[in-house]
Amino acid sequence: MRRCLLLISFLLIAVLCYSQALKVSSLHSQKYGVSITFSNASITGICILRDYGEQIVGSVINEFGIKAFDFIYDKKKDKAKLKNTIKILDKWYIRKVISGDLSVLVRDRNKQSQLRKRILISEYGHVRLENRKYHIIYKFSPINDIER
């Protein structure tokens, strides 16, 4: 019985990992509440995403209105590139890790090899990505716009 439950949960996680975690629309921008937790610091705020066909453009802004970073995900190259990062994140090794994790979040389909040392959980629009190698946790929750 325990073996069956373990197999079912593994298959469910595998199915969830093969779809795009963050939903991005070309008609209007998607807004998410974001929390990025490092081992000794964290960034909370909002993330705004927009699909322009060949690339997905996003920006992470903290609670005080200061832009943490912008990123561009190129669908053909299958890579994300960070732009306009704040000084504390503006180191090549930090940018490399964050851009790799953002690629996993916005990619249409992730393969198991692309999820090495990462755990991606997506349910009810809420997305959680844990980078187990560097102990970074990304949490995204959708922000609903109420139009009047």
N, C-alpha and C. Protein backbone atom coordinates (compact mmCIF):
# COMPACT_ATOMS: atom_id res chain seq x y z
N MET A 1 0.83 -1.19 0.00
CA MET A 1 0.00 0.00 0.00
C MET A 1 0.87 1.26 0.00
N ARG A 2 1.88 1.26 0.84
CA ARG A 2 2.78 2.40 0.93
C ARG A 2 3.53 2.59 -0.38
N ARG A 3 3.91 1.50 -1.02
CA ARG A 3 4.62 1.56 -2.29
C ARG A 3 3.73 2.16 -3.37
N CYS A 4 2.45 1.82 -3.38
CA CYS A 4 1.51 2.36 -4.36
C CYS A 4 1.32 3.87 -4.16
N LEU A 5 1.19 4.30 -2.93
CA LEU A 5 1.03 5.72 -2.66
C LEU A 5 2.28 6.50 -3.07
N LEU A 6 3.43 5.93 -2.84
CA LEU A 6 4.67 6.57 -3.24
C LEU A 6 4.76 6.68 -4.75
N LEU A 7 4.38 5.63 -5.46
CA LEU A 7 4.40 5.64 -6.92
C LEU A 7 3.40 6.65 -7.47
N ILE A 8 2.21 6.72 -6.90
CA ILE A 8 1.20 7.68 -7.36
C ILE A 8 1.67 9.11 -7.14
N SER A 9 2.24 9.40 -5.99
CA SER A 9 2.72 10.76 -5.73
C SER A 9 3.88 11.11 -6.65
N PHE A 10 4.76 10.15 -6.95
CA PHE A 10 5.86 10.41 -7.88
C PHE A 10 5.34 10.71 -9.28
N LEU A 11 4.36 9.94 -9.73
CA LEU A 11 3.78 10.19 -11.06
C LEU A 11 3.06 11.54 -11.12
N LEU A 12 2.39 11.91 -10.06
CA LEU A 12 1.71 13.19 -10.02
C LEU A 12 2.69 14.34 -10.09
N ILE A 13 3.79 14.24 -9.37
CA ILE A 13 4.83 15.27 -9.42
C ILE A 13 5.45 15.33 -10.80
N ALA A 14 5.69 14.16 -11.41
CA ALA A 14 6.28 14.14 -12.75
C ALA A 14 5.36 14.79 -13.77
N VAL A 15 4.06 14.55 -13.67
CA VAL A 15 3.11 15.18 -14.60
C VAL A 15 3.07 16.68 -14.40
N LEU A 16 3.10 17.13 -13.17
CA LEU A 16 3.08 18.56 -12.90
C LEU A 16 4.35 19.25 -13.37
N CYS A 17 5.46 18.56 -13.38
CA CYS A 17 6.73 19.16 -13.78
C CYS A 17 6.84 19.35 -15.27
N TYR A 18 6.07 18.63 -16.06
CA TYR A 18 6.20 18.73 -17.50
C TYR A 18 5.38 19.87 -18.10
N SER A 19 4.62 20.58 -17.33
CA SER A 19 3.86 21.71 -17.86
C SER A 19 4.47 23.01 -17.38
N GLN A 20 4.09 24.09 -18.04
CA GLN A 20 4.63 25.40 -17.69
C GLN A 20 4.13 25.79 -16.30
N ALA A 21 5.05 26.20 -15.45
CA ALA A 21 4.70 26.50 -14.07
C ALA A 21 3.99 27.85 -13.97
N LEU A 22 4.60 28.90 -14.49
CA LEU A 22 3.99 30.22 -14.46
C LEU A 22 3.25 30.47 -15.77
N LYS A 23 1.98 30.73 -15.68
CA LYS A 23 1.18 31.00 -16.88
C LYS A 23 1.42 32.43 -17.33
N VAL A 24 1.76 32.58 -18.62
CA VAL A 24 2.07 33.88 -19.18
C VAL A 24 1.17 34.11 -20.38
N SER A 25 0.57 35.28 -20.46
CA SER A 25 -0.34 35.61 -21.54
C SER A 25 0.25 36.71 -22.42
N SER A 26 -0.06 36.65 -23.70
CA SER A 26 0.41 37.70 -24.61
C SER A 26 -0.57 38.86 -24.66
N LEU A 27 -1.80 38.66 -24.22
CA LEU A 27 -2.81 39.72 -24.27
C LEU A 27 -2.64 40.75 -23.17
N HIS A 28 -2.34 40.29 -21.98
CA HIS A 28 -2.14 41.21 -20.86
C HIS A 28 -1.07 40.63 -19.93
N SER A 29 -0.54 41.45 -19.09
CA SER A 29 0.54 41.00 -18.21
C SER A 29 -0.04 40.20 -17.04
N GLN A 30 0.69 39.19 -16.63
CA GLN A 30 0.34 38.38 -15.48
C GLN A 30 1.08 38.91 -14.27
N LYS A 31 0.40 38.97 -13.14
CA LYS A 31 1.01 39.48 -11.92
C LYS A 31 1.01 38.39 -10.86
N TYR A 32 2.14 38.23 -10.21
CA TYR A 32 2.30 37.24 -9.16
C TYR A 32 2.91 37.89 -7.93
N GLY A 33 2.46 37.47 -6.77
CA GLY A 33 3.17 37.81 -5.54
C GLY A 33 4.35 36.86 -5.45
N VAL A 34 5.53 37.38 -5.15
CA VAL A 34 6.73 36.56 -5.18
C VAL A 34 7.49 36.66 -3.87
N SER A 35 8.08 35.55 -3.49
CA SER A 35 8.97 35.50 -2.34
C SER A 35 10.17 34.64 -2.73
N ILE A 36 11.35 35.24 -2.71
CA ILE A 36 12.58 34.52 -3.02
C ILE A 36 13.38 34.47 -1.72
N THR A 37 13.59 33.27 -1.21
CA THR A 37 14.28 33.10 0.06
C THR A 37 15.63 32.44 -0.15
N PHE A 38 16.68 33.13 0.23
CA PHE A 38 18.03 32.60 0.21
C PHE A 38 18.33 32.06 1.60
N SER A 39 19.51 31.52 1.81
CA SER A 39 19.83 30.95 3.11
C SER A 39 19.91 32.01 4.21
N ASN A 40 20.27 33.25 3.86
CA ASN A 40 20.39 34.28 4.89
C ASN A 40 19.66 35.58 4.55
N ALA A 41 18.86 35.59 3.51
CA ALA A 41 18.12 36.80 3.13
C ALA A 41 16.89 36.40 2.32
N SER A 42 16.01 37.37 2.09
CA SER A 42 14.84 37.09 1.26
C SER A 42 14.38 38.37 0.56
N ILE A 43 13.69 38.19 -0.54
CA ILE A 43 13.10 39.28 -1.31
C ILE A 43 11.62 38.95 -1.47
N THR A 44 10.76 39.88 -1.11
CA THR A 44 9.32 39.71 -1.33
C THR A 44 8.82 40.89 -2.13
N GLY A 45 7.80 40.65 -2.92
CA GLY A 45 7.24 41.72 -3.73
C GLY A 45 6.32 41.15 -4.79
N ILE A 46 6.35 41.74 -5.99
CA ILE A 46 5.52 41.27 -7.08
C ILE A 46 6.39 40.98 -8.30
N CYS A 47 5.90 40.09 -9.13
CA CYS A 47 6.55 39.74 -10.39
C CYS A 47 5.52 39.97 -11.50
N ILE A 48 5.91 40.71 -12.52
CA ILE A 48 5.04 41.01 -13.65
C ILE A 48 5.64 40.35 -14.88
N LEU A 49 4.84 39.51 -15.58
CA LEU A 49 5.30 38.76 -16.74
C LEU A 49 4.45 39.09 -17.96
N ARG A 50 5.10 39.09 -19.14
CA ARG A 50 4.38 39.32 -20.39
C ARG A 50 5.04 38.50 -21.49
N ASP A 51 4.23 37.87 -22.33
CA ASP A 51 4.72 37.06 -23.43
C ASP A 51 4.67 37.89 -24.71
N TYR A 52 5.81 38.02 -25.38
CA TYR A 52 5.90 38.77 -26.63
C TYR A 52 6.15 37.85 -27.81
N GLY A 53 5.74 36.61 -27.74
CA GLY A 53 5.90 35.68 -28.84
C GLY A 53 7.22 34.92 -28.76
N GLU A 54 8.31 35.55 -29.14
CA GLU A 54 9.62 34.91 -29.13
C GLU A 54 10.29 34.95 -27.76
N GLN A 55 9.83 35.85 -26.90
CA GLN A 55 10.44 35.97 -25.59
C GLN A 55 9.41 36.35 -24.53
N ILE A 56 9.74 35.99 -23.31
CA ILE A 56 8.92 36.34 -22.16
C ILE A 56 9.73 37.34 -21.35
N VAL A 57 9.11 38.47 -21.04
CA VAL A 57 9.78 39.53 -20.31
C VAL A 57 9.14 39.62 -18.92
N GLY A 58 9.99 39.74 -17.90
CA GLY A 58 9.49 39.82 -16.54
C GLY A 58 10.28 40.79 -15.70
N SER A 59 9.66 41.22 -14.61
CA SER A 59 10.30 42.14 -13.69
C SER A 59 9.87 41.78 -12.27
N VAL A 60 10.82 41.81 -11.35
CA VAL A 60 10.54 41.56 -9.93
C VAL A 60 10.79 42.85 -9.17
N ILE A 61 9.74 43.32 -8.49
CA ILE A 61 9.79 44.58 -7.74
C ILE A 61 9.48 44.27 -6.29
N ASN A 62 10.28 44.82 -5.37
CA ASN A 62 10.05 44.50 -3.96
C ASN A 62 8.90 45.34 -3.40
N GLU A 63 8.61 45.17 -2.13
CA GLU A 63 7.46 45.83 -1.50
C GLU A 63 7.58 47.34 -1.43
N PHE A 64 8.80 47.86 -1.54
CA PHE A 64 9.02 49.30 -1.46
C PHE A 64 9.05 49.95 -2.83
N GLY A 65 8.84 49.18 -3.89
CA GLY A 65 8.84 49.71 -5.24
C GLY A 65 10.20 49.74 -5.89
N ILE A 66 11.18 49.11 -5.27
CA ILE A 66 12.52 49.06 -5.84
C ILE A 66 12.63 47.80 -6.70
N LYS A 67 13.10 47.97 -7.93
CA LYS A 67 13.21 46.85 -8.84
C LYS A 67 14.38 45.97 -8.44
N ALA A 68 14.11 44.70 -8.16
CA ALA A 68 15.17 43.76 -7.81
C ALA A 68 15.93 43.34 -9.06
N PHE A 69 15.19 42.94 -10.09
CA PHE A 69 15.80 42.59 -11.38
C PHE A 69 14.73 42.47 -12.44
N ASP A 70 15.16 42.59 -13.70
CA ASP A 70 14.36 42.29 -14.86
C ASP A 70 14.94 41.04 -15.48
N PHE A 71 14.13 40.32 -16.24
CA PHE A 71 14.68 39.18 -16.97
C PHE A 71 13.97 39.02 -18.29
N ILE A 72 14.69 38.43 -19.22
CA ILE A 72 14.16 38.13 -20.54
C ILE A 72 14.43 36.65 -20.80
N TYR A 73 13.37 35.90 -21.09
CA TYR A 73 13.51 34.49 -21.42
C TYR A 73 13.33 34.34 -22.93
N ASP A 74 14.37 33.91 -23.62
CA ASP A 74 14.35 33.70 -25.06
C ASP A 74 13.90 32.27 -25.32
N LYS A 75 12.76 32.11 -26.00
CA LYS A 75 12.20 30.77 -26.22
C LYS A 75 13.05 29.95 -27.18
N LYS A 76 13.66 30.59 -28.18
CA LYS A 76 14.48 29.84 -29.14
C LYS A 76 15.76 29.33 -28.50
N LYS A 77 16.42 30.16 -27.73
CA LYS A 77 17.67 29.77 -27.07
C LYS A 77 17.41 28.98 -25.79
N ASP A 78 16.19 29.04 -25.29
CA ASP A 78 15.79 28.36 -24.06
C ASP A 78 16.64 28.81 -22.87
N LYS A 79 16.86 30.13 -22.78
CA LYS A 79 17.65 30.69 -21.69
C LYS A 79 17.04 31.98 -21.20
N ALA A 80 17.19 32.23 -19.92
CA ALA A 80 16.78 33.49 -19.31
C ALA A 80 18.03 34.32 -19.03
N LYS A 81 17.90 35.63 -19.17
CA LYS A 81 19.01 36.52 -18.91
C LYS A 81 18.53 37.62 -17.98
N LEU A 82 19.27 37.86 -16.90
CA LEU A 82 18.91 38.91 -15.95
C LEU A 82 19.43 40.26 -16.41
N LYS A 83 18.63 41.27 -16.20
CA LYS A 83 19.00 42.65 -16.52
C LYS A 83 18.68 43.52 -15.31
N ASN A 84 19.36 44.64 -15.18
CA ASN A 84 19.07 45.65 -14.16
C ASN A 84 18.95 45.06 -12.76
N THR A 85 19.90 44.25 -12.35
CA THR A 85 19.84 43.64 -11.03
C THR A 85 20.31 44.62 -9.96
N ILE A 86 19.77 44.46 -8.77
CA ILE A 86 20.23 45.29 -7.66
C ILE A 86 21.66 44.87 -7.31
N LYS A 87 22.35 45.74 -6.63
CA LYS A 87 23.77 45.55 -6.40
C LYS A 87 24.10 44.25 -5.66
N ILE A 88 23.29 43.87 -4.71
CA ILE A 88 23.60 42.68 -3.92
C ILE A 88 23.49 41.40 -4.75
N LEU A 89 22.68 41.42 -5.82
CA LEU A 89 22.52 40.24 -6.68
C LEU A 89 23.38 40.32 -7.94
N ASP A 90 24.10 41.41 -8.12
CA ASP A 90 24.82 41.64 -9.37
C ASP A 90 26.21 40.99 -9.34
N LYS A 91 26.20 39.68 -9.22
CA LYS A 91 27.43 38.88 -9.29
C LYS A 91 27.15 37.76 -10.29
N TRP A 92 28.15 37.41 -11.09
CA TRP A 92 27.91 36.48 -12.19
C TRP A 92 27.37 35.14 -11.72
N TYR A 93 27.83 34.63 -10.59
CA TYR A 93 27.40 33.32 -10.13
C TYR A 93 25.98 33.36 -9.58
N ILE A 94 25.58 34.48 -8.98
CA ILE A 94 24.19 34.61 -8.50
C ILE A 94 23.25 34.77 -9.69
N ARG A 95 23.64 35.60 -10.65
CA ARG A 95 22.81 35.78 -11.85
C ARG A 95 22.64 34.47 -12.60
N LYS A 96 23.68 33.64 -12.66
CA LYS A 96 23.61 32.36 -13.37
C LYS A 96 22.60 31.43 -12.70
N VAL A 97 22.62 31.34 -11.39
CA VAL A 97 21.70 30.45 -10.68
C VAL A 97 20.26 30.94 -10.81
N ILE A 98 20.04 32.23 -10.61
CA ILE A 98 18.67 32.77 -10.69
C ILE A 98 18.12 32.65 -12.10
N SER A 99 18.94 32.93 -13.11
CA SER A 99 18.45 32.82 -14.49
C SER A 99 18.13 31.37 -14.85
N GLY A 100 18.89 30.41 -14.35
CA GLY A 100 18.56 29.00 -14.57
C GLY A 100 17.26 28.60 -13.92
N ASP A 101 17.02 29.10 -12.72
CA ASP A 101 15.77 28.79 -12.03
C ASP A 101 14.58 29.46 -12.71
N LEU A 102 14.76 30.68 -13.19
CA LEU A 102 13.67 31.36 -13.90
C LEU A 102 13.34 30.66 -15.22
N SER A 103 14.35 30.09 -15.86
CA SER A 103 14.11 29.32 -17.09
C SER A 103 13.20 28.13 -16.80
N VAL A 104 13.42 27.47 -15.68
CA VAL A 104 12.59 26.33 -15.30
C VAL A 104 11.15 26.79 -15.05
N LEU A 105 10.99 27.97 -14.46
CA LEU A 105 9.65 28.46 -14.12
C LEU A 105 8.83 28.85 -15.35
N VAL A 106 9.43 29.42 -16.37
CA VAL A 106 8.65 29.92 -17.51
C VAL A 106 8.72 29.02 -18.74
N ARG A 107 9.54 28.00 -18.71
CA ARG A 107 9.67 27.08 -19.85
C ARG A 107 8.36 26.33 -20.05
N ASP A 108 8.00 26.06 -21.32
CA ASP A 108 6.76 25.35 -21.62
C ASP A 108 6.75 23.94 -21.04
N ARG A 109 7.81 23.22 -21.27
CA ARG A 109 7.90 21.85 -20.74
C ARG A 109 9.29 21.63 -20.19
N ASN A 110 9.35 21.11 -18.97
CA ASN A 110 10.62 20.79 -18.33
C ASN A 110 10.86 19.30 -18.40
N LYS A 111 12.07 18.92 -18.74
CA LYS A 111 12.45 17.52 -18.72
C LYS A 111 13.02 17.20 -17.35
N GLN A 112 13.09 15.93 -17.06
CA GLN A 112 13.61 15.52 -15.75
C GLN A 112 15.05 15.96 -15.56
N SER A 113 15.84 15.97 -16.65
CA SER A 113 17.24 16.38 -16.53
C SER A 113 17.36 17.87 -16.22
N GLN A 114 16.37 18.68 -16.64
CA GLN A 114 16.40 20.11 -16.35
C GLN A 114 15.98 20.41 -14.92
N LEU A 115 15.38 19.45 -14.27
CA LEU A 115 14.93 19.63 -12.89
C LEU A 115 15.88 18.99 -11.88
N ARG A 116 17.09 18.67 -12.31
CA ARG A 116 18.06 18.11 -11.37
C ARG A 116 18.27 19.07 -10.21
N LYS A 117 18.24 18.52 -9.03
CA LYS A 117 18.47 19.28 -7.80
C LYS A 117 17.47 20.42 -7.62
N ARG A 118 16.30 20.28 -8.23
CA ARG A 118 15.21 21.26 -8.06
C ARG A 118 13.92 20.50 -7.81
N ILE A 119 13.06 21.10 -7.02
CA ILE A 119 11.72 20.56 -6.79
C ILE A 119 10.74 21.62 -7.25
N LEU A 120 9.87 21.28 -8.20
CA LEU A 120 8.88 22.21 -8.74
C LEU A 120 7.50 21.69 -8.40
N ILE A 121 6.74 22.50 -7.67
CA ILE A 121 5.38 22.14 -7.28
C ILE A 121 4.46 23.25 -7.75
N SER A 122 3.44 22.87 -8.52
CA SER A 122 2.48 23.83 -9.03
C SER A 122 1.07 23.31 -8.76
N GLU A 123 0.30 24.05 -7.96
CA GLU A 123 -1.07 23.64 -7.67
C GLU A 123 -1.93 24.87 -7.44
N TYR A 124 -3.09 24.88 -8.08
CA TYR A 124 -4.07 25.95 -7.96
C TYR A 124 -3.47 27.33 -8.29
N GLY A 125 -2.56 27.37 -9.24
CA GLY A 125 -1.96 28.64 -9.63
C GLY A 125 -0.76 29.05 -8.79
N HIS A 126 -0.57 28.43 -7.64
CA HIS A 126 0.57 28.73 -6.78
C HIS A 126 1.74 27.84 -7.20
N VAL A 127 2.90 28.46 -7.32
CA VAL A 127 4.09 27.74 -7.79
C VAL A 127 5.18 27.87 -6.74
N ARG A 128 5.85 26.75 -6.49
CA ARG A 128 6.98 26.74 -5.56
C ARG A 128 8.12 25.99 -6.23
N LEU A 129 9.27 26.64 -6.32
CA LEU A 129 10.47 26.02 -6.87
C LEU A 129 11.54 26.06 -5.80
N GLU A 130 12.10 24.91 -5.50
CA GLU A 130 13.16 24.84 -4.50
C GLU A 130 14.44 24.36 -5.18
N ASN A 131 15.45 25.19 -5.14
CA ASN A 131 16.77 24.82 -5.64
C ASN A 131 17.52 24.19 -4.47
N ARG A 132 17.60 22.87 -4.48
CA ARG A 132 18.18 22.16 -3.34
C ARG A 132 19.69 22.32 -3.25
N LYS A 133 20.34 22.58 -4.37
CA LYS A 133 21.80 22.71 -4.35
C LYS A 133 22.22 24.00 -3.66
N TYR A 134 21.53 25.11 -3.95
CA TYR A 134 21.90 26.41 -3.40
C TYR A 134 20.95 26.90 -2.31
N HIS A 135 19.96 26.10 -1.95
CA HIS A 135 19.02 26.41 -0.87
C HIS A 135 18.29 27.73 -1.12
N ILE A 136 17.72 27.84 -2.32
CA ILE A 136 16.92 29.02 -2.70
C ILE A 136 15.50 28.52 -2.94
N ILE A 137 14.52 29.22 -2.37
CA ILE A 137 13.12 28.86 -2.53
C ILE A 137 12.39 30.02 -3.17
N TYR A 138 11.71 29.74 -4.30
CA TYR A 138 10.91 30.72 -5.01
C TYR A 138 9.44 30.36 -4.81
N LYS A 139 8.63 31.31 -4.38
CA LYS A 139 7.19 31.08 -4.23
C LYS A 139 6.45 32.14 -5.03
N PHE A 140 5.56 31.71 -5.91
CA PHE A 140 4.76 32.60 -6.72
C PHE A 140 3.29 32.31 -6.47
N SER A 141 2.51 33.35 -6.20
CA SER A 141 1.07 33.19 -6.04
C SER A 141 0.40 34.27 -6.89
N PRO A 142 -0.62 33.88 -7.65
CA PRO A 142 -1.26 34.84 -8.57
C PRO A 142 -1.96 35.97 -7.83
N ILE A 143 -1.89 37.15 -8.42
CA ILE A 143 -2.59 38.32 -7.91
C ILE A 143 -3.76 38.56 -8.85
N ASN A 144 -4.96 38.51 -8.31
CA ASN A 144 -6.15 38.70 -9.13
C ASN A 144 -6.46 40.18 -9.26
N ASP A 145 -6.61 40.63 -10.50
CA ASP A 145 -7.00 42.01 -10.75
C ASP A 145 -8.51 42.12 -10.78
N ILE A 146 -9.05 43.07 -10.05
CA ILE A 146 -10.48 43.32 -10.05
C ILE A 146 -10.72 44.57 -10.87
N GLU A 147 -11.35 44.40 -12.02
CA GLU A 147 -11.60 45.55 -12.90
C GLU A 147 -12.96 46.12 -12.59
N ARG A 148 -13.01 47.42 -12.51
CA ARG A 148 -14.28 48.10 -12.18
C ARG A 148 -14.78 48.87 -13.36
